[in-house]
Amino acid sequence: LQFLYFIGHNSHQMAEARLSFIVDYDDPQAGITRKYQLCYYVTDDTIEMHDIKNRRLFLKRCQYPQLKPSDLFIDATITIYARKLRVCGYADDATEIIYLQHKNAGCVVPPENMDNLGDVLTELQNAGARVKNMNMLILSAAEAEEFAPGVSNSWGGQPIVAIEVVFASQDDYTNRERFCQGLVCWFGDPDYFFGSGSARRDRSSATIQDCTLGIIKPHAIEKHGGNIISSIISEGFQIAAIRKVTLDKADSADFLEIYKGVVPEYSQLAEQLSSAPCWVMEIKGEKPVESFRQLCGPHDPEVGKVLRPNSLRAQYGTSRVLNAIHCTDLPEDGILESDFFFNLLRPVSS
């Protein structure tokens, strides 16, 4: 890692707490992969980037509120000013030492606790744990018995939610059950569900019929993701499938193409949806598209605060772009949008 120390910082900057990573950018025009050092300054939540090959400053230190420390880990995909970057290494020993303390665990929310899925996610996030992967699927009785012996009678053939959780320390990992105190969930090996060779990795509980689609947007996940899910369930909707998905810009633009030329913020909406992972849900209920659209509220949260103050966008959105949640607008598109995410797209670990 010594080759990275050419970067010029004064003594004050060197004393600041920072996280430092190597990131790759696949330049589509040049057809090459460019490497940068990305620094995240914890003291004031600013970022800075340096071109490693050319030994020069690439991005001057600045605020970039879309990026959080929890977004930074090996193999993560992040977006900075429309550039899709992959975190591929640590740029200094101090950052590596911090992240080597992190421990992964698999958490399963069983069928009998599905109504509390939002509470489980909120408890984990409030405790500083990170949701790396999430997927709802149906296990056979044999698979349920293999993962959690003795529970196959209640799990087999019913949807469960598998979550790969990253704990910030060995102590948190050792005492992980305390984060779901009072809530029923099981911990085990995350590779059983998300490992590269797992037969369950691409499986989904989505039905692709009589449904609508909801997407909790990247900006809303960290603070409000669990609460939004709890609100959806408490309003009587059934979450028939859920998956954590990372979209690239092309997929995001393709999915939102119906709004191109109709919604002025189309480009910004596509950029937000591909800026970081999002939580995608297949949702069922009576007249699912219309009724769920009513729960989400007007596209503009400020309008929603006047007309529908209890709607999801009014409560958790801040602007027409950062409006917390996407929902299907047209009744005929509910199945198409669910099919796009749960059949056509392959899940990307993040």
Protein backbone atom coordinates (compact mmCIF):
# COMPACT_ATOMS: atom_id res chain seq x y z
CA LEU A 1 0.00 0.00 0.00
CA GLN A 2 3.00 2.30 0.21
CA PHE A 3 2.52 3.56 -3.38
CA LEU A 4 -0.54 5.48 -2.21
CA TYR A 5 1.30 7.75 0.16
CA PHE A 6 2.28 10.17 -2.60
CA ILE A 7 -0.98 12.03 -2.00
CA GLY A 8 -0.27 15.43 -0.51
CA HIS A 9 -1.99 16.30 2.75
CA ASN A 10 -0.90 18.81 5.34
CA SER A 11 -0.36 17.69 8.93
CA HIS A 12 -3.82 18.83 9.98
CA GLN A 13 -5.47 16.66 7.30
CA MET A 14 -3.35 13.66 8.19
CA ALA A 15 -4.56 13.89 11.79
CA GLU A 16 -8.22 13.77 10.75
CA ALA A 17 -10.19 10.56 11.06
CA ARG A 18 -10.83 9.20 7.59
CA LEU A 19 -11.67 6.04 5.71
CA SER A 20 -9.59 5.40 2.60
CA PHE A 21 -10.39 2.96 -0.23
CA ILE A 22 -9.28 1.96 -3.70
CA VAL A 23 -12.15 2.21 -6.19
CA ASP A 24 -12.42 1.10 -9.81
CA TYR A 25 -14.24 2.96 -12.56
CA ASP A 26 -14.94 1.17 -15.85
CA ASP A 27 -14.65 4.02 -18.34
CA PRO A 28 -17.11 3.12 -21.14
CA GLN A 29 -15.63 5.60 -23.62
CA ALA A 30 -11.96 4.70 -23.18
CA GLY A 31 -12.69 1.00 -22.58
CA ILE A 32 -10.34 0.86 -19.61
CA THR A 33 -10.63 0.57 -15.83
CA ARG A 34 -9.40 3.61 -13.92
CA LYS A 35 -8.29 3.41 -10.29
CA TYR A 36 -8.84 6.11 -7.70
CA GLN A 37 -8.25 6.59 -4.02
CA LEU A 38 -11.46 7.62 -2.30
CA CYS A 39 -11.16 9.30 1.09
CA TYR A 40 -14.15 9.77 3.38
CA TYR A 41 -13.52 12.25 6.21
CA VAL A 42 -15.56 11.20 9.21
CA THR A 43 -15.19 14.52 11.01
CA ASP A 44 -17.32 16.48 8.53
CA ASP A 45 -18.68 13.80 6.14
CA THR A 46 -16.73 15.09 3.14
CA ILE A 47 -15.11 13.08 0.36
CA GLU A 48 -12.04 13.48 -1.85
CA MET A 49 -10.71 11.46 -4.78
CA HIS A 50 -7.25 11.07 -6.27
CA ASP A 51 -6.19 9.61 -9.63
CA ILE A 52 -3.67 6.93 -8.64
CA LYS A 53 -2.03 6.46 -12.05
CA ASN A 54 -1.54 10.16 -12.77
CA ARG A 55 -0.78 11.08 -9.14
CA ARG A 56 -3.14 14.03 -9.04
CA LEU A 57 -6.26 15.30 -7.34
CA PHE A 58 -9.37 14.15 -9.20
CA LEU A 59 -12.19 15.41 -6.97
CA LYS A 60 -11.60 18.27 -4.57
CA ARG A 61 -12.78 17.68 -1.02
CA CYS A 62 -16.50 18.39 -0.85
CA GLN A 63 -19.78 17.45 0.76
CA TYR A 64 -21.58 14.52 -0.86
CA PRO A 65 -24.52 13.65 1.42
CA GLN A 66 -25.70 10.76 -0.76
CA LEU A 67 -22.68 8.72 0.39
CA LYS A 68 -22.57 7.32 3.93
CA PRO A 69 -19.80 5.40 5.73
CA SER A 70 -22.12 2.39 5.79
CA ASP A 71 -22.05 2.36 1.96
CA LEU A 72 -18.29 1.76 1.93
CA PHE A 73 -17.05 -1.81 2.08
CA ILE A 74 -15.19 -4.23 -0.18
CA ASP A 75 -17.13 -5.11 -3.37
CA ALA A 76 -19.70 -2.37 -2.72
CA THR A 77 -20.99 -0.45 -5.73
CA ILE A 78 -21.39 3.27 -5.18
CA THR A 79 -22.20 6.23 -7.42
CA ILE A 80 -20.46 9.60 -7.17
CA TYR A 81 -21.55 12.28 -9.61
CA ALA A 82 -23.03 9.70 -12.01
CA ARG A 83 -19.86 7.56 -12.00
CA LYS A 84 -20.46 3.98 -10.92
CA LEU A 85 -17.50 2.91 -8.75
CA ARG A 86 -16.64 -0.45 -7.24
CA VAL A 87 -14.81 -0.55 -3.92
CA CYS A 88 -12.01 -3.06 -4.50
CA GLY A 89 -9.52 -2.52 -1.68
CA TYR A 90 -8.33 -0.60 1.36
CA ALA A 91 -5.97 2.32 0.72
CA ASP A 92 -4.37 2.37 4.15
CA ASP A 93 -3.76 0.07 7.09
CA ALA A 94 -5.97 2.06 9.48
CA THR A 95 -9.07 1.56 7.32
CA GLU A 96 -8.32 -2.13 6.87
CA ILE A 97 -7.97 -2.65 10.63
CA ILE A 98 -11.36 -1.01 11.22
CA TYR A 99 -13.13 -3.13 8.61
CA LEU A 100 -11.49 -6.40 9.58
CA GLN A 101 -13.42 -6.13 12.84
CA HIS A 102 -16.70 -6.41 10.93
CA LYS A 103 -18.46 -9.78 11.08
CA ASN A 104 -21.20 -11.17 8.85
CA ALA A 105 -24.16 -13.26 9.98
CA GLY A 106 -27.25 -14.67 8.33
CA CYS A 107 -30.57 -13.65 9.88
CA VAL A 108 -33.89 -15.25 9.00
CA VAL A 109 -37.27 -13.69 9.74
CA PRO A 110 -39.59 -16.74 9.90
CA PRO A 111 -43.18 -16.91 8.63
CA GLU A 112 -44.72 -16.34 12.07
CA ASN A 113 -42.82 -13.06 12.45
CA MET A 114 -43.31 -11.66 8.95
CA ASP A 115 -45.58 -8.88 10.21
CA ASN A 116 -42.60 -7.60 12.23
CA LEU A 117 -40.13 -7.52 9.32
CA GLY A 118 -39.92 -3.72 9.46
CA ASP A 119 -39.25 -3.79 13.21
CA VAL A 120 -36.43 -6.34 12.76
CA LEU A 121 -34.76 -4.18 10.10
CA THR A 122 -35.16 -1.05 12.22
CA GLU A 123 -33.64 -2.74 15.27
CA LEU A 124 -30.65 -3.96 13.27
CA GLN A 125 -30.02 -0.58 11.67
CA ASN A 126 -30.46 1.33 14.92
CA ALA A 127 -27.78 -0.93 16.41
CA GLY A 128 -25.34 0.10 13.67
CA ALA A 129 -25.57 -3.16 11.73
CA ARG A 130 -25.69 -3.04 7.93
CA VAL A 131 -28.02 -5.03 5.71
CA LYS A 132 -25.70 -6.39 3.01
CA ASN A 133 -28.19 -8.70 1.30
CA MET A 134 -31.89 -9.41 1.69
CA ASN A 135 -34.28 -11.76 -0.09
CA MET A 136 -37.67 -13.33 0.54
CA LEU A 137 -37.92 -16.92 -0.61
CA ILE A 138 -39.64 -20.21 0.13
CA LEU A 139 -37.64 -23.09 1.61
CA SER A 140 -38.49 -26.74 1.33
CA ALA A 141 -38.99 -28.60 4.61
CA ALA A 142 -35.59 -30.24 4.10
CA GLU A 143 -33.85 -26.89 3.58
CA ALA A 144 -35.54 -25.39 6.64
CA GLU A 145 -34.42 -28.35 8.73
CA GLU A 146 -30.87 -28.02 7.38
CA PHE A 147 -30.59 -24.34 8.29
CA ALA A 148 -32.50 -24.41 11.58
CA PRO A 149 -33.08 -27.96 12.84
CA GLY A 150 -36.42 -28.45 14.54
CA VAL A 151 -38.39 -25.72 12.80
CA SER A 152 -39.10 -27.37 9.45
CA ASN A 153 -42.80 -27.86 10.27
CA SER A 154 -43.40 -24.10 10.49
CA TRP A 155 -40.99 -22.91 7.79
CA GLY A 156 -41.25 -25.39 4.97
CA GLY A 157 -43.35 -24.14 2.06
CA GLN A 158 -43.88 -20.65 3.52
CA PRO A 159 -42.04 -17.41 2.73
CA ILE A 160 -39.15 -16.38 4.96
CA VAL A 161 -36.85 -13.36 4.67
CA ALA A 162 -33.13 -14.09 4.64
CA ILE A 163 -30.87 -11.17 5.54
CA GLU A 164 -27.08 -10.98 5.49
CA VAL A 165 -26.14 -8.63 8.32
CA VAL A 166 -22.74 -7.00 8.86
CA PHE A 167 -21.94 -6.22 12.49
CA ALA A 168 -19.40 -3.51 13.25
CA SER A 169 -17.48 -5.45 15.89
CA GLN A 170 -16.79 -8.91 17.24
CA ASP A 171 -18.75 -8.02 20.37
CA ASP A 172 -21.83 -7.06 18.36
CA TYR A 173 -21.53 -10.28 16.37
CA THR A 174 -21.17 -12.44 19.49
CA ASN A 175 -24.21 -10.81 21.09
CA ARG A 176 -26.24 -10.48 17.89
CA GLU A 177 -29.43 -11.95 19.36
CA ARG A 178 -29.84 -8.88 21.55
CA PHE A 179 -30.51 -6.70 18.52
CA CYS A 180 -33.77 -8.51 17.86
CA GLN A 181 -34.81 -8.73 21.50
CA GLY A 182 -38.50 -9.57 21.70
CA LEU A 183 -38.64 -10.39 17.99
CA VAL A 184 -38.42 -13.89 16.54
CA CYS A 185 -35.47 -14.31 14.19
CA TRP A 186 -32.80 -16.93 13.63
CA PHE A 187 -29.09 -16.44 12.96
CA GLY A 188 -26.85 -18.73 10.92
CA ASP A 189 -24.42 -18.88 8.00
CA PRO A 190 -25.23 -16.17 5.38
CA ASP A 191 -23.60 -18.25 2.63
CA TYR A 192 -26.49 -20.70 2.93
CA PHE A 193 -28.61 -18.06 1.19
CA PHE A 194 -26.17 -15.68 -0.48
CA GLY A 195 -23.00 -17.68 -1.18
CA SER A 196 -21.91 -17.87 -4.82
CA GLY A 197 -22.74 -21.57 -5.00
CA SER A 198 -26.03 -21.44 -3.08
CA ALA A 199 -29.06 -22.93 -4.81
CA ARG A 200 -31.17 -20.36 -2.94
CA ARG A 201 -29.31 -17.24 -4.10
CA ASP A 202 -31.53 -16.43 -7.09
CA ARG A 203 -34.78 -17.88 -5.73
CA SER A 204 -37.68 -15.54 -5.00
CA SER A 205 -41.17 -15.76 -3.52
CA ALA A 206 -42.55 -13.31 -6.11
CA THR A 207 -45.76 -14.47 -7.81
CA ILE A 208 -45.79 -11.92 -10.67
CA GLN A 209 -49.59 -11.76 -10.59
CA ASP A 210 -52.25 -9.50 -9.10
CA CYS A 211 -49.61 -7.21 -7.58
CA THR A 212 -47.94 -3.83 -7.56
CA LEU A 213 -44.34 -2.79 -7.06
CA GLY A 214 -42.80 -0.63 -4.37
CA ILE A 215 -39.15 0.49 -4.23
CA ILE A 216 -37.67 2.08 -1.13
CA LYS A 217 -35.16 4.45 -2.66
CA PRO A 218 -31.46 4.53 -1.69
CA HIS A 219 -31.66 7.83 0.20
CA ALA A 220 -34.47 6.56 2.46
CA ILE A 221 -33.15 3.13 3.42
CA GLU A 222 -30.72 3.96 6.22
CA LYS A 223 -33.05 6.14 8.30
CA HIS A 224 -36.52 5.06 7.23
CA GLY A 225 -36.40 1.67 5.46
CA GLY A 226 -37.72 -0.41 8.36
CA ASN A 227 -40.36 2.17 9.27
CA ILE A 228 -41.65 2.32 5.70
CA ILE A 229 -42.03 -1.47 5.62
CA SER A 230 -43.83 -1.40 8.99
CA SER A 231 -46.22 1.25 7.65
CA ILE A 232 -46.99 -0.80 4.53
CA ILE A 233 -47.77 -3.91 6.57
CA SER A 234 -49.82 -2.02 9.17
CA GLU A 235 -52.02 -0.64 6.38
CA GLY A 236 -53.03 -4.19 5.48
CA PHE A 237 -50.78 -4.83 2.49
CA GLN A 238 -48.92 -8.09 2.05
CA ILE A 239 -45.27 -7.98 1.03
CA ALA A 240 -45.17 -11.07 -1.20
CA ALA A 241 -41.49 -10.62 -2.13
CA ILE A 242 -38.63 -8.35 -1.13
CA ARG A 243 -35.06 -8.13 -2.38
CA LYS A 244 -32.12 -5.78 -2.02
CA VAL A 245 -31.09 -4.72 -5.53
CA THR A 246 -28.29 -2.63 -6.99
CA LEU A 247 -29.21 -1.07 -10.32
CA ASP A 248 -26.77 0.25 -12.85
CA LYS A 249 -27.63 3.50 -14.59
CA ALA A 250 -28.79 1.75 -17.79
CA ASP A 251 -31.24 -0.50 -15.92
CA SER A 252 -32.51 2.42 -13.86
CA ALA A 253 -33.07 4.54 -16.98
CA ASP A 254 -34.76 1.60 -18.71
CA PHE A 255 -37.10 0.95 -15.79
CA LEU A 256 -38.13 4.61 -15.53
CA GLU A 257 -38.32 5.22 -19.28
CA ILE A 258 -42.10 5.64 -19.11
CA TYR A 259 -41.49 8.95 -17.28
CA LYS A 260 -39.02 10.29 -19.87
CA GLY A 261 -40.41 13.47 -21.39
CA VAL A 262 -43.28 13.41 -18.89
CA VAL A 263 -41.59 14.07 -15.55
CA PRO A 264 -39.05 16.95 -15.62
CA GLU A 265 -36.88 15.18 -13.03
CA TYR A 266 -36.54 11.98 -15.07
CA SER A 267 -32.71 12.09 -15.25
CA GLN A 268 -32.35 12.85 -11.54
CA LEU A 269 -34.83 10.09 -10.65
CA ALA A 270 -32.83 7.56 -12.67
CA GLU A 271 -29.59 8.73 -11.06
CA GLN A 272 -31.04 8.46 -7.54
CA LEU A 273 -32.39 4.97 -8.13
CA SER A 274 -28.95 3.77 -9.30
CA SER A 275 -26.93 5.73 -6.72
CA ALA A 276 -26.88 2.90 -4.15
CA PRO A 277 -28.82 -0.29 -3.31
CA CYS A 278 -32.61 -0.11 -3.01
CA TRP A 279 -35.22 -2.41 -1.46
CA VAL A 280 -37.70 -3.74 -4.03
CA MET A 281 -41.05 -5.21 -2.97
CA GLU A 282 -43.86 -7.10 -4.69
CA ILE A 283 -46.98 -5.95 -2.85
CA LYS A 284 -50.47 -7.44 -2.76
CA GLY A 285 -53.80 -6.10 -1.57
CA GLU A 286 -57.24 -5.15 -2.80
CA LYS A 287 -56.81 -3.31 -6.12
CA PRO A 288 -53.07 -3.29 -5.32
CA VAL A 289 -51.84 -0.64 -7.77
CA GLU A 290 -54.47 1.96 -6.94
CA SER A 291 -54.57 1.38 -3.18
CA PHE A 292 -50.79 1.30 -2.74
CA ARG A 293 -50.42 4.44 -4.83
CA GLN A 294 -52.82 6.14 -2.43
CA LEU A 295 -50.66 5.08 0.53
CA CYS A 296 -47.52 6.44 -1.16
CA GLY A 297 -49.19 9.79 -1.84
CA PRO A 298 -48.41 12.56 -4.35
CA HIS A 299 -45.07 12.49 -6.16
CA ASP A 300 -44.11 15.78 -4.50
CA PRO A 301 -43.82 15.35 -0.69
CA GLU A 302 -44.63 19.02 -0.13
CA VAL A 303 -47.96 18.56 -1.91
CA GLY A 304 -48.49 15.36 0.05
CA LYS A 305 -48.02 17.16 3.37
CA VAL A 306 -51.04 19.29 2.47
CA LEU A 307 -53.28 16.78 0.70
CA ARG A 308 -52.23 13.45 2.27
CA PRO A 309 -50.08 14.16 5.35
CA ASN A 310 -50.09 10.50 6.45
CA SER A 311 -48.80 9.21 3.11
CA LEU A 312 -45.35 7.63 2.90
CA ARG A 313 -43.88 10.37 0.71
CA ALA A 314 -45.23 13.12 2.95
CA GLN A 315 -43.68 11.45 6.00
CA TYR A 316 -40.35 10.28 4.60
CA GLY A 317 -39.68 12.25 1.39
CA THR A 318 -37.92 15.58 1.08
CA SER A 319 -38.24 16.50 -2.62
CA ARG A 320 -39.71 15.29 -5.92
CA VAL A 321 -36.53 13.27 -6.50
CA LEU A 322 -35.87 12.21 -2.90
CA ASN A 323 -39.48 11.19 -2.27
CA ALA A 324 -38.63 7.96 -0.41
CA ILE A 325 -40.55 5.40 -2.47
CA HIS A 326 -41.47 4.47 -6.02
CA CYS A 327 -44.82 2.86 -6.73
CA THR A 328 -46.48 1.55 -9.87
CA ASP A 329 -48.71 4.21 -11.41
CA LEU A 330 -50.78 2.29 -13.97
CA PRO A 331 -52.83 -0.83 -13.12
CA GLU A 332 -51.53 -2.70 -16.17
CA ASP A 333 -47.90 -2.09 -15.12
CA GLY A 334 -47.95 -3.83 -11.73
CA ILE A 335 -47.12 -7.26 -13.13
CA LEU A 336 -44.62 -5.84 -15.65
CA GLU A 337 -42.66 -3.96 -12.98
CA SER A 338 -42.59 -6.95 -10.64
CA ASP A 339 -41.40 -9.14 -13.50
CA PHE A 340 -38.62 -6.66 -14.32
CA PHE A 341 -37.09 -6.91 -10.85
CA PHE A 342 -37.85 -10.45 -9.80
CA ASN A 343 -37.42 -12.29 -13.09
CA LEU A 344 -35.40 -10.24 -15.56
CA LEU A 345 -32.80 -8.74 -13.22
CA ARG A 346 -30.26 -10.91 -11.46
CA PRO A 347 -29.62 -9.96 -7.82
CA VAL A 348 -26.29 -8.18 -7.19
CA SER A 349 -24.56 -8.66 -3.84
CA SER A 350 -23.70 -5.37 -2.19
